[in-house]
């Protein structure tokens, strides 16, 4: 045993995905295309999606295929949800969406310091998940929580880091290679009511952005976990 180092209040969960499944998700990103990734800001009372390449450089692939969503959900349900309940005493019942995202060294892919729940359209978010898919294939690309020190976080392949959406954080620039990561936000049924109430404030500026919101609301199985007849592992 050794004394614990100072760290942010985050939860690291190893072996959520196997290496071959991580490689499969990267392959889907590369073969199905992606879109520039915006972020949400509160402007004149509305939650507006903006593109600002001085604040964020990333591309996203939205996971929509039902069998693939079911497989991801099954793994999250068995390997992530119970750990969040133990560590944070919070029962996750819903997710916002799953993105396979890529930060590239060609544009020093990064995401500046921000919180994930500061607008009306994002206030329902409780916990963020960042699950690395190809650690070791790039340099840079760490998570940093500046309110809690200078430590950098870089989970292994298939390992997830879970943290409160209220925490200030950033993704540091990728300086070599490409960093692939699966991203999502978790919340519960009460938070879902808030999300529905605030939906009228959301403004999406690009045609490509519209499916992100549409897919999250149009199919209930995509917005919530389906635990029936599932064995815990």
C-alpha atoms as a PDB file:
ATOM      1  CA  UNK A   1       0.000   0.000   0.000  1.00  0.00           C
ATOM      2  CA  UNK A   2       1.043   3.585  -0.598  1.00  0.00           C
ATOM      3  CA  UNK A   3      -0.378   7.000   0.144  1.00  0.00           C
ATOM      4  CA  UNK A   4      -2.851   8.226  -2.448  1.00  0.00           C
ATOM      5  CA  UNK A   5      -1.812  11.154  -4.605  1.00  0.00           C
ATOM      6  CA  UNK A   6      -3.956  14.250  -4.708  1.00  0.00           C
ATOM      7  CA  UNK A   7      -6.563  14.009  -7.434  1.00  0.00           C
ATOM      8  CA  UNK A   8      -9.844  15.386  -8.739  1.00  0.00           C
ATOM      9  CA  UNK A   9     -13.113  13.699  -7.621  1.00  0.00           C
ATOM     10  CA  UNK A  10     -13.266  11.415 -10.647  1.00  0.00           C
ATOM     11  CA  UNK A  11     -13.937   7.703 -11.064  1.00  0.00           C
ATOM     12  CA  UNK A  12     -11.727   5.499 -13.255  1.00  0.00           C
ATOM     13  CA  UNK A  13     -13.259   2.218 -14.437  1.00  0.00           C
ATOM     14  CA  UNK A  14     -10.946  -0.186 -16.312  1.00  0.00           C
ATOM     15  CA  UNK A  15     -11.960  -2.844 -18.856  1.00  0.00           C
ATOM     16  CA  UNK A  16     -15.324  -1.390 -19.821  1.00  0.00           C
ATOM     17  CA  UNK A  17     -14.698  -2.255 -23.483  1.00  0.00           C
ATOM     18  CA  UNK A  18     -12.420  -4.942 -24.886  1.00  0.00           C
ATOM     19  CA  UNK A  19      -9.642  -3.825 -27.225  1.00  0.00           C
ATOM     20  CA  UNK A  20     -11.265  -5.357 -30.326  1.00  0.00           C
ATOM     21  CA  UNK A  21     -14.521  -3.499 -29.671  1.00  0.00           C
ATOM     22  CA  UNK A  22     -12.564  -0.244 -29.309  1.00  0.00           C
ATOM     23  CA  UNK A  23     -10.939  -0.920 -32.671  1.00  0.00           C
ATOM     24  CA  UNK A  24     -14.362  -1.630 -34.188  1.00  0.00           C
ATOM     25  CA  UNK A  25     -15.682   1.759 -33.025  1.00  0.00           C
ATOM     26  CA  UNK A  26     -12.656   3.508 -34.532  1.00  0.00           C
ATOM     27  CA  UNK A  27     -13.273   1.644 -37.813  1.00  0.00           C
ATOM     28  CA  UNK A  28     -16.884   2.863 -37.855  1.00  0.00           C
ATOM     29  CA  UNK A  29     -15.704   6.433 -37.386  1.00  0.00           C
ATOM     30  CA  UNK A  30     -13.248   6.127 -40.266  1.00  0.00           C
ATOM     31  CA  UNK A  31     -15.674   4.452 -42.686  1.00  0.00           C
ATOM     32  CA  UNK A  32     -18.913   6.318 -41.920  1.00  0.00           C
ATOM     33  CA  UNK A  33     -17.745   9.910 -41.817  1.00  0.00           C
ATOM     34  CA  UNK A  34     -17.855  12.534 -39.106  1.00  0.00           C
ATOM     35  CA  UNK A  35     -18.784  16.153 -38.507  1.00  0.00           C
ATOM     36  CA  UNK A  36     -17.123  19.115 -36.858  1.00  0.00           C
ATOM     37  CA  UNK A  37     -18.051  19.250 -33.202  1.00  0.00           C
ATOM     38  CA  UNK A  38     -19.670  22.344 -31.737  1.00  0.00           C
ATOM     39  CA  UNK A  39     -20.613  23.107 -28.161  1.00  0.00           C
ATOM     40  CA  UNK A  40     -23.486  24.814 -26.364  1.00  0.00           C
ATOM     41  CA  UNK A  41     -23.548  28.395 -25.096  1.00  0.00           C
ATOM     42  CA  UNK A  42     -26.292  30.426 -23.457  1.00  0.00           C
ATOM     43  CA  UNK A  43     -27.019  33.427 -25.716  1.00  0.00           C
ATOM     44  CA  UNK A  44     -29.979  35.776 -25.217  1.00  0.00           C
ATOM     45  CA  UNK A  45     -31.836  33.196 -23.149  1.00  0.00           C
ATOM     46  CA  UNK A  46     -31.315  30.403 -25.684  1.00  0.00           C
ATOM     47  CA  UNK A  47     -28.967  27.417 -25.650  1.00  0.00           C
ATOM     48  CA  UNK A  48     -27.160  27.823 -28.955  1.00  0.00           C
ATOM     49  CA  UNK A  49     -24.764  25.441 -30.661  1.00  0.00           C
ATOM     50  CA  UNK A  50     -21.669  27.325 -31.746  1.00  0.00           C
ATOM     51  CA  UNK A  51     -18.518  26.472 -33.674  1.00  0.00           C
ATOM     52  CA  UNK A  52     -15.386  28.126 -32.345  1.00  0.00           C
ATOM     53  CA  UNK A  53     -12.145  26.503 -33.508  1.00  0.00           C
ATOM     54  CA  UNK A  54     -10.154  28.640 -31.078  1.00  0.00           C
ATOM     55  CA  UNK A  55     -12.064  26.956 -28.236  1.00  0.00           C
ATOM     56  CA  UNK A  56     -12.550  23.414 -29.550  1.00  0.00           C
ATOM     57  CA  UNK A  57     -11.121  21.258 -32.345  1.00  0.00           C
ATOM     58  CA  UNK A  58     -12.781  17.852 -32.632  1.00  0.00           C
ATOM     59  CA  UNK A  59     -14.824  15.705 -34.999  1.00  0.00           C
ATOM     60  CA  UNK A  60     -17.671  13.373 -34.004  1.00  0.00           C
ATOM     61  CA  UNK A  61     -19.421  10.273 -35.301  1.00  0.00           C
ATOM     62  CA  UNK A  62     -22.879   9.681 -33.816  1.00  0.00           C
ATOM     63  CA  UNK A  63     -23.613   6.058 -32.863  1.00  0.00           C
ATOM     64  CA  UNK A  64     -27.085   5.311 -34.261  1.00  0.00           C
ATOM     65  CA  UNK A  65     -27.124   1.649 -35.352  1.00  0.00           C
ATOM     66  CA  UNK A  66     -29.621  -0.129 -33.024  1.00  0.00           C
ATOM     67  CA  UNK A  67     -27.597  -3.365 -32.523  1.00  0.00           C
ATOM     68  CA  UNK A  68     -24.477  -1.338 -31.813  1.00  0.00           C
ATOM     69  CA  UNK A  69     -26.362   0.905 -29.375  1.00  0.00           C
ATOM     70  CA  UNK A  70     -27.679  -2.193 -27.632  1.00  0.00           C
ATOM     71  CA  UNK A  71     -24.173  -3.612 -27.261  1.00  0.00           C
ATOM     72  CA  UNK A  72     -22.765  -0.340 -25.901  1.00  0.00           C
ATOM     73  CA  UNK A  73     -25.715   0.028 -23.534  1.00  0.00           C
ATOM     74  CA  UNK A  74     -25.283  -3.518 -22.266  1.00  0.00           C
ATOM     75  CA  UNK A  75     -21.630  -2.915 -21.414  1.00  0.00           C
ATOM     76  CA  UNK A  76     -22.359   0.434 -19.752  1.00  0.00           C
ATOM     77  CA  UNK A  77     -25.248  -1.077 -17.810  1.00  0.00           C
ATOM     78  CA  UNK A  78     -23.118  -3.917 -16.447  1.00  0.00           C
ATOM     79  CA  UNK A  79     -19.734  -2.278 -16.002  1.00  0.00           C
ATOM     80  CA  UNK A  80     -20.289   1.459 -15.478  1.00  0.00           C
ATOM     81  CA  UNK A  81     -23.726   2.017 -13.953  1.00  0.00           C
ATOM     82  CA  UNK A  82     -23.048  -0.076 -10.785  1.00  0.00           C
ATOM     83  CA  UNK A  83     -19.736   1.705 -10.193  1.00  0.00           C
ATOM     84  CA  UNK A  84     -21.395   5.137 -10.400  1.00  0.00           C
ATOM     85  CA  UNK A  85     -24.000   3.963  -7.892  1.00  0.00           C
ATOM     86  CA  UNK A  86     -21.295   2.815  -5.477  1.00  0.00           C
ATOM     87  CA  UNK A  87     -19.037   5.838  -5.812  1.00  0.00           C
ATOM     88  CA  UNK A  88     -21.570   8.637  -6.126  1.00  0.00           C
ATOM     89  CA  UNK A  89     -24.848   7.143  -4.803  1.00  0.00           C
ATOM     90  CA  UNK A  90     -26.584   8.097  -8.051  1.00  0.00           C
ATOM     91  CA  UNK A  91     -28.653   5.739 -10.178  1.00  0.00           C
ATOM     92  CA  UNK A  92     -28.173   6.399 -13.883  1.00  0.00           C
ATOM     93  CA  UNK A  93     -31.224   5.587 -16.013  1.00  0.00           C
ATOM     94  CA  UNK A  94     -30.604   7.623 -19.176  1.00  0.00           C
ATOM     95  CA  UNK A  95     -27.854   8.733 -21.525  1.00  0.00           C
ATOM     96  CA  UNK A  96     -27.810  11.692 -23.872  1.00  0.00           C
ATOM     97  CA  UNK A  97     -26.063  10.091 -26.873  1.00  0.00           C
ATOM     98  CA  UNK A  98     -22.898   8.190 -27.713  1.00  0.00           C
ATOM     99  CA  UNK A  99     -20.251   9.873 -29.854  1.00  0.00           C
ATOM    100  CA  UNK A 100     -17.071   8.352 -31.230  1.00  0.00           C
ATOM    101  CA  UNK A 101     -14.885  11.443 -31.253  1.00  0.00           C
ATOM    102  CA  UNK A 102     -11.472  12.192 -32.666  1.00  0.00           C
ATOM    103  CA  UNK A 103      -8.898  14.785 -31.654  1.00  0.00           C
ATOM    104  CA  UNK A 104      -6.235  15.065 -34.385  1.00  0.00           C
ATOM    105  CA  UNK A 105      -2.689  16.342 -34.073  1.00  0.00           C
ATOM    106  CA  UNK A 106      -2.946  18.000 -37.504  1.00  0.00           C
ATOM    107  CA  UNK A 107      -4.975  20.784 -35.874  1.00  0.00           C
ATOM    108  CA  UNK A 108      -3.799  20.136 -32.296  1.00  0.00           C
ATOM    109  CA  UNK A 109      -7.245  18.806 -31.400  1.00  0.00           C
ATOM    110  CA  UNK A 110      -8.366  20.059 -28.007  1.00  0.00           C
ATOM    111  CA  UNK A 111     -11.333  21.328 -25.974  1.00  0.00           C
ATOM    112  CA  UNK A 112     -10.721  24.381 -23.805  1.00  0.00           C
ATOM    113  CA  UNK A 113     -11.760  24.674 -20.146  1.00  0.00           C
ATOM    114  CA  UNK A 114     -15.509  24.321 -19.667  1.00  0.00           C
ATOM    115  CA  UNK A 115     -18.310  22.764 -17.636  1.00  0.00           C
ATOM    116  CA  UNK A 116     -20.908  20.489 -19.236  1.00  0.00           C
ATOM    117  CA  UNK A 117     -24.130  21.711 -17.600  1.00  0.00           C
ATOM    118  CA  UNK A 118     -24.104  25.515 -17.583  1.00  0.00           C
ATOM    119  CA  UNK A 119     -26.888  26.195 -20.107  1.00  0.00           C
ATOM    120  CA  UNK A 120     -30.633  25.552 -19.957  1.00  0.00           C
ATOM    121  CA  UNK A 121     -30.289  22.926 -22.658  1.00  0.00           C
ATOM    122  CA  UNK A 122     -27.576  21.038 -20.769  1.00  0.00           C
ATOM    123  CA  UNK A 123     -28.713  21.522 -17.156  1.00  0.00           C
ATOM    124  CA  UNK A 124     -30.045  17.936 -17.009  1.00  0.00           C
ATOM    125  CA  UNK A 125     -26.581  16.415 -17.393  1.00  0.00           C
ATOM    126  CA  UNK A 126     -25.229  14.829 -14.186  1.00  0.00           C
ATOM    127  CA  UNK A 127     -22.158  12.801 -15.126  1.00  0.00           C
ATOM    128  CA  UNK A 128     -19.853  12.765 -18.138  1.00  0.00           C
ATOM    129  CA  UNK A 129     -18.086   9.682 -19.461  1.00  0.00           C
ATOM    130  CA  UNK A 130     -14.894   9.741 -21.502  1.00  0.00           C
ATOM    131  CA  UNK A 131     -13.784   6.256 -22.605  1.00  0.00           C
ATOM    132  CA  UNK A 132     -10.443   6.055 -24.380  1.00  0.00           C
ATOM    133  CA  UNK A 133     -10.260   3.814 -27.451  1.00  0.00           C
ATOM    134  CA  UNK A 134      -6.595   3.974 -28.525  1.00  0.00           C
ATOM    135  CA  UNK A 135      -4.363   5.114 -25.667  1.00  0.00           C
ATOM    136  CA  UNK A 136      -0.702   4.791 -26.621  1.00  0.00           C
ATOM    137  CA  UNK A 137      -1.261   5.722 -30.267  1.00  0.00           C
ATOM    138  CA  UNK A 138      -0.956   9.462 -29.681  1.00  0.00           C
ATOM    139  CA  UNK A 139       0.812  12.032 -27.536  1.00  0.00           C
ATOM    140  CA  UNK A 140      -0.942  14.711 -25.498  1.00  0.00           C
ATOM    141  CA  UNK A 141      -4.724  14.487 -25.367  1.00  0.00           C
ATOM    142  CA  UNK A 142      -5.153  14.267 -21.585  1.00  0.00           C
ATOM    143  CA  UNK A 143      -7.993  15.347 -19.331  1.00  0.00           C
ATOM    144  CA  UNK A 144      -7.229  18.098 -16.832  1.00  0.00           C
ATOM    145  CA  UNK A 145      -9.346  19.341 -13.932  1.00  0.00           C
ATOM    146  CA  UNK A 146      -7.650  22.662 -13.067  1.00  0.00           C
ATOM    147  CA  UNK A 147      -9.673  23.304  -9.904  1.00  0.00           C
ATOM    148  CA  UNK A 148      -7.991  20.271  -8.317  1.00  0.00           C
ATOM    149  CA  UNK A 149      -4.371  20.615  -9.342  1.00  0.00           C
ATOM    150  CA  UNK A 150      -2.095  20.063 -12.304  1.00  0.00           C
ATOM    151  CA  UNK A 151      -2.535  16.285 -12.623  1.00  0.00           C
ATOM    152  CA  UNK A 152      -3.345  14.956 -16.083  1.00  0.00           C
ATOM    153  CA  UNK A 153      -5.588  11.929 -16.712  1.00  0.00           C
ATOM    154  CA  UNK A 154      -5.177   9.493 -19.589  1.00  0.00           C
ATOM    155  CA  UNK A 155      -7.204   6.290 -19.091  1.00  0.00           C
ATOM    156  CA  UNK A 156      -6.055   3.119 -20.810  1.00  0.00           C
ATOM    157  CA  UNK A 157      -7.683   1.460 -23.809  1.00  0.00           C
ATOM    158  CA  UNK A 158     -11.265   0.541 -22.918  1.00  0.00           C
ATOM    159  CA  UNK A 159     -11.067   2.421 -19.612  1.00  0.00           C
ATOM    160  CA  UNK A 160     -13.659   5.060 -18.704  1.00  0.00           C
ATOM    161  CA  UNK A 161     -13.297   8.168 -16.589  1.00  0.00           C
ATOM    162  CA  UNK A 162     -16.521   9.414 -14.980  1.00  0.00           C
ATOM    163  CA  UNK A 163     -16.926  12.861 -13.482  1.00  0.00           C
ATOM    164  CA  UNK A 164     -19.576  15.361 -12.458  1.00  0.00           C
ATOM    165  CA  UNK A 165     -20.681  17.667 -15.240  1.00  0.00           C
ATOM    166  CA  UNK A 166     -20.165  20.563 -12.806  1.00  0.00           C
ATOM    167  CA  UNK A 167     -16.378  20.095 -12.782  1.00  0.00           C
ATOM    168  CA  UNK A 168     -14.267  22.507 -14.798  1.00  0.00           C
ATOM    169  CA  UNK A 169     -12.203  20.441 -17.228  1.00  0.00           C
ATOM    170  CA  UNK A 170     -10.340  20.486 -20.518  1.00  0.00           C
ATOM    171  CA  UNK A 171      -8.964  18.113 -23.129  1.00  0.00           C
ATOM    172  CA  UNK A 172      -5.351  19.098 -23.734  1.00  0.00           C
ATOM    173  CA  UNK A 173      -4.015  19.336 -27.313  1.00  0.00           C
ATOM    174  CA  UNK A 174      -3.023  16.187 -29.173  1.00  0.00           C
ATOM    175  CA  UNK A 175       0.511  16.823 -30.416  1.00  0.00           C
ATOM    176  CA  UNK A 176       1.111  13.541 -32.284  1.00  0.00           C
ATOM    177  CA  UNK A 177      -1.276  10.984 -33.791  1.00  0.00           C
ATOM    178  CA  UNK A 178      -5.032  10.861 -33.236  1.00  0.00           C
ATOM    179  CA  UNK A 179      -6.961  10.346 -30.014  1.00  0.00           C
ATOM    180  CA  UNK A 180     -10.241   8.389 -30.279  1.00  0.00           C
ATOM    181  CA  UNK A 181     -12.719   8.425 -27.429  1.00  0.00           C
ATOM    182  CA  UNK A 182     -16.341   7.417 -26.773  1.00  0.00           C
ATOM    183  CA  UNK A 183     -18.270  10.228 -25.078  1.00  0.00           C
ATOM    184  CA  UNK A 184     -21.630  10.407 -23.334  1.00  0.00           C
ATOM    185  CA  UNK A 185     -23.580  12.126 -20.566  1.00  0.00           C
ATOM    186  CA  UNK A 186     -25.680  10.326 -17.957  1.00  0.00           C
ATOM    187  CA  UNK A 187     -28.752  11.445 -16.013  1.00  0.00           C
ATOM    188  CA  UNK A 188     -31.931  10.033 -14.439  1.00  0.00           C
ATOM    189  CA  UNK A 189     -35.685  10.171 -14.965  1.00  0.00           C
ATOM    190  CA  UNK A 190     -36.139  13.339 -12.900  1.00  0.00           C
ATOM    191  CA  UNK A 191     -33.441  15.058 -14.926  1.00  0.00           C
ATOM    192  CA  UNK A 192     -35.235  13.916 -18.086  1.00  0.00           C
ATOM    193  CA  UNK A 193     -38.236  16.021 -17.057  1.00  0.00           C
ATOM    194  CA  UNK A 194     -35.974  19.065 -16.805  1.00  0.00           C
ATOM    195  CA  UNK A 195     -34.498  18.263 -20.198  1.00  0.00           C
ATOM    196  CA  UNK A 196     -37.960  18.148 -21.740  1.00  0.00           C
ATOM    197  CA  UNK A 197     -38.947  21.436 -20.104  1.00  0.00           C
ATOM    198  CA  UNK A 198     -35.832  23.155 -21.453  1.00  0.00           C
ATOM    199  CA  UNK A 199     -35.954  21.695 -24.957  1.00  0.00           C
ATOM    200  CA  UNK A 200     -37.681  24.840 -26.237  1.00  0.00           C
ATOM    201  CA  UNK A 201     -34.548  26.873 -25.463  1.00  0.00           C
ATOM    202  CA  UNK A 202     -32.233  24.811 -27.689  1.00  0.00           C
ATOM    203  CA  UNK A 203     -31.112  26.233 -31.032  1.00  0.00           C
ATOM    204  CA  UNK A 204     -29.006  24.071 -33.342  1.00  0.00           C
ATOM    205  CA  UNK A 205     -27.276  26.046 -36.069  1.00  0.00           C
ATOM    206  CA  UNK A 206     -26.153  23.388 -38.536  1.00  0.00           C
ATOM    207  CA  UNK A 207     -28.100  20.821 -40.527  1.00  0.00           C
ATOM    208  CA  UNK A 208     -25.611  18.183 -39.437  1.00  0.00           C
ATOM    209  CA  UNK A 209     -26.329  19.006 -35.804  1.00  0.00           C
ATOM    210  CA  UNK A 210     -30.055  18.320 -36.024  1.00  0.00           C
ATOM    211  CA  UNK A 211     -29.796  14.488 -35.965  1.00  0.00           C
ATOM    212  CA  UNK A 212     -27.895  14.626 -32.689  1.00  0.00           C
ATOM    213  CA  UNK A 213     -30.902  16.083 -30.905  1.00  0.00           C
ATOM    214  CA  UNK A 214     -33.467  14.199 -32.937  1.00  0.00           C
ATOM    215  CA  UNK A 215     -31.949  10.783 -32.336  1.00  0.00           C
ATOM    216  CA  UNK A 216     -31.718  11.376 -28.611  1.00  0.00           C
ATOM    217  CA  UNK A 217     -35.416  12.080 -28.272  1.00  0.00           C
ATOM    218  CA  UNK A 218     -37.109  10.090 -31.038  1.00  0.00           C
ATOM    219  CA  UNK A 219     -36.472   6.613 -29.655  1.00  0.00           C
ATOM    220  CA  UNK A 220     -36.934   5.871 -25.995  1.00  0.00           C
ATOM    221  CA  UNK A 221     -34.561   2.866 -25.913  1.00  0.00           C
ATOM    222  CA  UNK A 222     -31.810   5.203 -27.085  1.00  0.00           C
ATOM    223  CA  UNK A 223     -32.443   7.600 -24.219  1.00  0.00           C
ATOM    224  CA  UNK A 224     -32.671   5.072 -21.425  1.00  0.00           C
ATOM    225  CA  UNK A 225     -31.054   1.829 -20.371  1.00  0.00           C
ATOM    226  CA  UNK A 226     -33.061  -1.352 -20.746  1.00  0.00           C
ATOM    227  CA  UNK A 227     -32.108  -3.561 -17.774  1.00  0.00           C
ATOM    228  CA  UNK A 228     -34.750  -6.261 -18.172  1.00  0.00           C
ATOM    229  CA  UNK A 229     -33.454  -9.806 -18.330  1.00  0.00           C
ATOM    230  CA  UNK A 230     -29.848  -8.656 -18.141  1.00  0.00           C
ATOM    231  CA  UNK A 231     -27.354 -10.379 -15.888  1.00  0.00           C
ATOM    232  CA  UNK A 232     -24.951  -8.213 -13.949  1.00  0.00           C
ATOM    233  CA  UNK A 233     -21.252  -8.765 -14.445  1.00  0.00           C
END
